[in-house]
Amino acid sequence: MQVRRACFVCYYLRSLVLFFLFRYNDDVDAYERKIEIMKILEEKGRVNINRLAESFGVTKVTIRSDIDSLETRGLLVRTHGGAVQ
């Protein structure tokens, strides 16, 4: 009985640690992705959602979310299929 309980506690703690590690990494990735989007925007003057999603290896929904976040901060303006400065 004690062995089962100890195994369950270890499994639970390991799952909890992994959850917070991956959650933190997702936030860092989103931050870095937004910085890269702004760099591309400064260089080219416009970005395309399809190209960004392909280059970052994420979905278009993720890129749209990033662009929405940047737009609410006043850093860019959304357009059909992308964004401009």
N, C-alpha and C. Protein backbone atom coordinates (compact mmCIF):
# COMPACT_ATOMS: atom_id res chain seq x y z
N MET A 1 0.81 -1.19 0.00
CA MET A 1 0.00 0.00 0.00
C MET A 1 0.86 1.26 0.00
N GLN A 2 1.91 1.27 0.82
CA GLN A 2 2.79 2.43 0.90
C GLN A 2 3.54 2.64 -0.41
N VAL A 3 3.91 1.55 -1.07
CA VAL A 3 4.64 1.66 -2.34
C VAL A 3 3.75 2.30 -3.40
N ARG A 4 2.49 1.88 -3.47
CA ARG A 4 1.56 2.47 -4.43
C ARG A 4 1.36 3.96 -4.18
N ARG A 5 1.22 4.32 -2.92
CA ARG A 5 1.03 5.71 -2.58
C ARG A 5 2.26 6.53 -2.95
N ALA A 6 3.45 6.01 -2.68
CA ALA A 6 4.68 6.70 -3.02
C ALA A 6 4.82 6.86 -4.53
N CYS A 7 4.46 5.83 -5.28
CA CYS A 7 4.54 5.91 -6.74
C CYS A 7 3.56 6.96 -7.27
N PHE A 8 2.38 7.01 -6.70
CA PHE A 8 1.39 7.98 -7.13
C PHE A 8 1.87 9.40 -6.85
N VAL A 9 2.45 9.61 -5.68
CA VAL A 9 2.96 10.94 -5.32
C VAL A 9 4.09 11.34 -6.25
N CYS A 10 5.00 10.41 -6.56
CA CYS A 10 6.10 10.72 -7.47
C CYS A 10 5.56 11.05 -8.86
N TYR A 11 4.60 10.29 -9.33
CA TYR A 11 4.00 10.53 -10.65
C TYR A 11 3.32 11.90 -10.68
N TYR A 12 2.59 12.21 -9.63
CA TYR A 12 1.89 13.49 -9.55
C TYR A 12 2.88 14.65 -9.54
N LEU A 13 3.91 14.57 -8.73
CA LEU A 13 4.91 15.64 -8.67
C LEU A 13 5.64 15.80 -9.99
N ARG A 14 5.98 14.70 -10.63
CA ARG A 14 6.67 14.78 -11.93
C ARG A 14 5.76 15.44 -12.96
N SER A 15 4.49 15.08 -12.97
CA SER A 15 3.55 15.69 -13.91
C SER A 15 3.40 17.17 -13.66
N LEU A 16 3.36 17.56 -12.41
CA LEU A 16 3.24 18.97 -12.04
C LEU A 16 4.46 19.77 -12.50
N VAL A 17 5.63 19.22 -12.28
CA VAL A 17 6.87 19.90 -12.69
C VAL A 17 6.91 20.04 -14.21
N LEU A 18 6.58 18.99 -14.94
CA LEU A 18 6.58 19.05 -16.40
C LEU A 18 5.56 20.06 -16.91
N PHE A 19 4.40 20.13 -16.27
CA PHE A 19 3.38 21.09 -16.67
C PHE A 19 3.92 22.51 -16.58
N PHE A 20 4.55 22.85 -15.46
CA PHE A 20 5.05 24.21 -15.29
C PHE A 20 6.25 24.49 -16.19
N LEU A 21 7.08 23.49 -16.44
CA LEU A 21 8.21 23.69 -17.35
C LEU A 21 7.72 24.00 -18.76
N PHE A 22 6.81 23.20 -19.27
CA PHE A 22 6.32 23.42 -20.63
C PHE A 22 5.49 24.68 -20.72
N ARG A 23 4.75 25.00 -19.70
CA ARG A 23 3.96 26.22 -19.70
C ARG A 23 4.89 27.43 -19.77
N TYR A 24 5.96 27.40 -19.00
CA TYR A 24 6.92 28.50 -19.02
C TYR A 24 7.59 28.61 -20.39
N ASN A 25 7.98 27.47 -20.96
CA ASN A 25 8.63 27.49 -22.26
C ASN A 25 7.71 28.04 -23.33
N ASP A 26 6.42 27.74 -23.27
CA ASP A 26 5.48 28.27 -24.25
C ASP A 26 5.44 29.79 -24.17
N ASP A 27 5.46 30.33 -22.95
CA ASP A 27 5.45 31.78 -22.79
C ASP A 27 6.71 32.41 -23.37
N VAL A 28 7.85 31.77 -23.12
CA VAL A 28 9.11 32.27 -23.64
C VAL A 28 9.10 32.20 -25.16
N ASP A 29 8.62 31.11 -25.73
CA ASP A 29 8.55 30.98 -27.18
C ASP A 29 7.66 32.05 -27.78
N ALA A 30 6.54 32.33 -27.16
CA ALA A 30 5.63 33.36 -27.66
C ALA A 30 6.31 34.72 -27.61
N TYR A 31 7.02 35.00 -26.55
CA TYR A 31 7.73 36.26 -26.41
C TYR A 31 8.78 36.40 -27.51
N GLU A 32 9.58 35.35 -27.71
CA GLU A 32 10.62 35.38 -28.74
C GLU A 32 10.01 35.48 -30.13
N ARG A 33 8.89 34.81 -30.34
CA ARG A 33 8.22 34.86 -31.64
C ARG A 33 7.73 36.27 -31.94
N LYS A 34 7.19 36.93 -30.94
CA LYS A 34 6.71 38.30 -31.14
C LYS A 34 7.86 39.25 -31.44
N ILE A 35 8.99 39.05 -30.79
CA ILE A 35 10.16 39.87 -31.08
C ILE A 35 10.61 39.66 -32.52
N GLU A 36 10.63 38.41 -32.96
CA GLU A 36 11.02 38.11 -34.34
C GLU A 36 10.02 38.69 -35.34
N ILE A 37 8.75 38.64 -35.01
CA ILE A 37 7.73 39.23 -35.89
C ILE A 37 8.00 40.73 -36.04
N MET A 38 8.31 41.39 -34.94
CA MET A 38 8.58 42.83 -35.00
C MET A 38 9.86 43.12 -35.80
N LYS A 39 10.88 42.26 -35.68
CA LYS A 39 12.10 42.46 -36.45
C LYS A 39 11.82 42.33 -37.95
N ILE A 40 11.06 41.31 -38.32
CA ILE A 40 10.70 41.10 -39.73
C ILE A 40 9.88 42.29 -40.23
N LEU A 41 8.97 42.74 -39.40
CA LEU A 41 8.13 43.88 -39.77
C LEU A 41 8.96 45.15 -39.99
N GLU A 42 9.96 45.37 -39.15
CA GLU A 42 10.83 46.54 -39.32
C GLU A 42 11.66 46.43 -40.60
N GLU A 43 12.12 45.22 -40.92
CA GLU A 43 12.94 45.02 -42.11
C GLU A 43 12.13 45.17 -43.40
N LYS A 44 10.97 44.52 -43.43
CA LYS A 44 10.21 44.42 -44.68
C LYS A 44 9.01 45.37 -44.76
N GLY A 45 8.55 45.85 -43.62
CA GLY A 45 7.41 46.75 -43.62
C GLY A 45 6.06 46.06 -43.57
N ARG A 46 6.04 44.76 -43.82
CA ARG A 46 4.80 43.99 -43.75
C ARG A 46 5.14 42.52 -43.49
N VAL A 47 4.21 41.81 -42.86
CA VAL A 47 4.37 40.38 -42.61
C VAL A 47 3.14 39.64 -43.11
N ASN A 48 3.34 38.38 -43.45
CA ASN A 48 2.27 37.52 -43.95
C ASN A 48 2.05 36.38 -42.97
N ILE A 49 0.80 36.16 -42.58
CA ILE A 49 0.48 35.13 -41.58
C ILE A 49 0.92 33.75 -42.04
N ASN A 50 0.65 33.40 -43.28
CA ASN A 50 1.01 32.06 -43.78
C ASN A 50 2.52 31.84 -43.72
N ARG A 51 3.29 32.82 -44.15
CA ARG A 51 4.76 32.69 -44.14
C ARG A 51 5.30 32.61 -42.72
N LEU A 52 4.73 33.43 -41.83
CA LEU A 52 5.19 33.40 -40.43
C LEU A 52 4.90 32.05 -39.79
N ALA A 53 3.70 31.53 -40.03
CA ALA A 53 3.33 30.24 -39.45
C ALA A 53 4.26 29.14 -39.95
N GLU A 54 4.58 29.18 -41.22
CA GLU A 54 5.48 28.18 -41.80
C GLU A 54 6.90 28.32 -41.26
N SER A 55 7.39 29.54 -41.16
CA SER A 55 8.77 29.74 -40.71
C SER A 55 8.96 29.43 -39.22
N PHE A 56 7.94 29.70 -38.40
CA PHE A 56 8.05 29.41 -36.97
C PHE A 56 7.60 28.00 -36.61
N GLY A 57 6.94 27.33 -37.54
CA GLY A 57 6.47 25.97 -37.26
C GLY A 57 5.29 25.93 -36.30
N VAL A 58 4.44 26.95 -36.38
CA VAL A 58 3.24 26.99 -35.53
C VAL A 58 2.02 27.17 -36.43
N THR A 59 0.85 27.13 -35.84
CA THR A 59 -0.37 27.28 -36.63
C THR A 59 -0.65 28.74 -36.94
N LYS A 60 -1.50 28.95 -37.92
CA LYS A 60 -1.90 30.31 -38.28
C LYS A 60 -2.66 30.97 -37.14
N VAL A 61 -3.40 30.18 -36.39
CA VAL A 61 -4.15 30.69 -35.24
C VAL A 61 -3.18 31.29 -34.21
N THR A 62 -2.06 30.62 -34.00
CA THR A 62 -1.04 31.11 -33.06
C THR A 62 -0.47 32.44 -33.53
N ILE A 63 -0.16 32.53 -34.81
CA ILE A 63 0.38 33.77 -35.36
C ILE A 63 -0.66 34.89 -35.27
N ARG A 64 -1.90 34.57 -35.57
CA ARG A 64 -2.96 35.59 -35.46
C ARG A 64 -3.06 36.10 -34.02
N SER A 65 -2.95 35.19 -33.07
CA SER A 65 -2.99 35.58 -31.67
C SER A 65 -1.83 36.49 -31.32
N ASP A 66 -0.64 36.17 -31.81
CA ASP A 66 0.53 37.01 -31.57
C ASP A 66 0.33 38.39 -32.19
N ILE A 67 -0.18 38.42 -33.42
CA ILE A 67 -0.40 39.69 -34.10
C ILE A 67 -1.48 40.52 -33.38
N ASP A 68 -2.53 39.85 -32.92
CA ASP A 68 -3.56 40.56 -32.14
C ASP A 68 -2.96 41.19 -30.89
N SER A 69 -2.11 40.44 -30.22
CA SER A 69 -1.47 40.94 -29.00
C SER A 69 -0.60 42.16 -29.30
N LEU A 70 0.15 42.10 -30.39
CA LEU A 70 1.00 43.23 -30.78
C LEU A 70 0.16 44.43 -31.22
N GLU A 71 -0.97 44.16 -31.85
CA GLU A 71 -1.84 45.26 -32.29
C GLU A 71 -2.47 45.98 -31.10
N THR A 72 -2.87 45.24 -30.08
CA THR A 72 -3.47 45.89 -28.91
C THR A 72 -2.46 46.79 -28.20
N ARG A 73 -1.18 46.50 -28.37
CA ARG A 73 -0.13 47.36 -27.78
C ARG A 73 0.24 48.52 -28.71
N GLY A 74 -0.39 48.56 -29.89
CA GLY A 74 -0.13 49.66 -30.81
C GLY A 74 1.15 49.53 -31.60
N LEU A 75 1.69 48.31 -31.69
CA LEU A 75 2.97 48.12 -32.37
C LEU A 75 2.83 47.83 -33.87
N LEU A 76 1.64 47.44 -34.30
CA LEU A 76 1.40 47.16 -35.71
C LEU A 76 -0.08 47.30 -36.00
N VAL A 77 -0.42 47.20 -37.28
CA VAL A 77 -1.81 47.27 -37.71
C VAL A 77 -2.11 46.01 -38.51
N ARG A 78 -3.16 45.31 -38.14
CA ARG A 78 -3.53 44.09 -38.86
C ARG A 78 -4.11 44.44 -40.22
N THR A 79 -3.79 43.60 -41.19
CA THR A 79 -4.38 43.71 -42.52
C THR A 79 -4.92 42.33 -42.89
N HIS A 80 -5.57 42.24 -44.02
CA HIS A 80 -6.07 40.95 -44.48
C HIS A 80 -4.87 40.04 -44.80
N GLY A 81 -4.68 38.99 -44.00
CA GLY A 81 -3.60 38.04 -44.24
C GLY A 81 -2.26 38.42 -43.67
N GLY A 82 -2.20 39.47 -42.87
CA GLY A 82 -0.92 39.87 -42.32
C GLY A 82 -1.00 41.10 -41.46
N ALA A 83 0.08 41.89 -41.49
CA ALA A 83 0.14 43.12 -40.69
C ALA A 83 1.16 44.06 -41.31
N VAL A 84 1.00 45.35 -41.01
CA VAL A 84 1.95 46.38 -41.45
C VAL A 84 2.29 47.25 -40.26
N GLN A 85 3.34 48.07 -40.44
CA GLN A 85 3.75 48.97 -39.35
C GLN A 85 2.81 50.12 -39.21
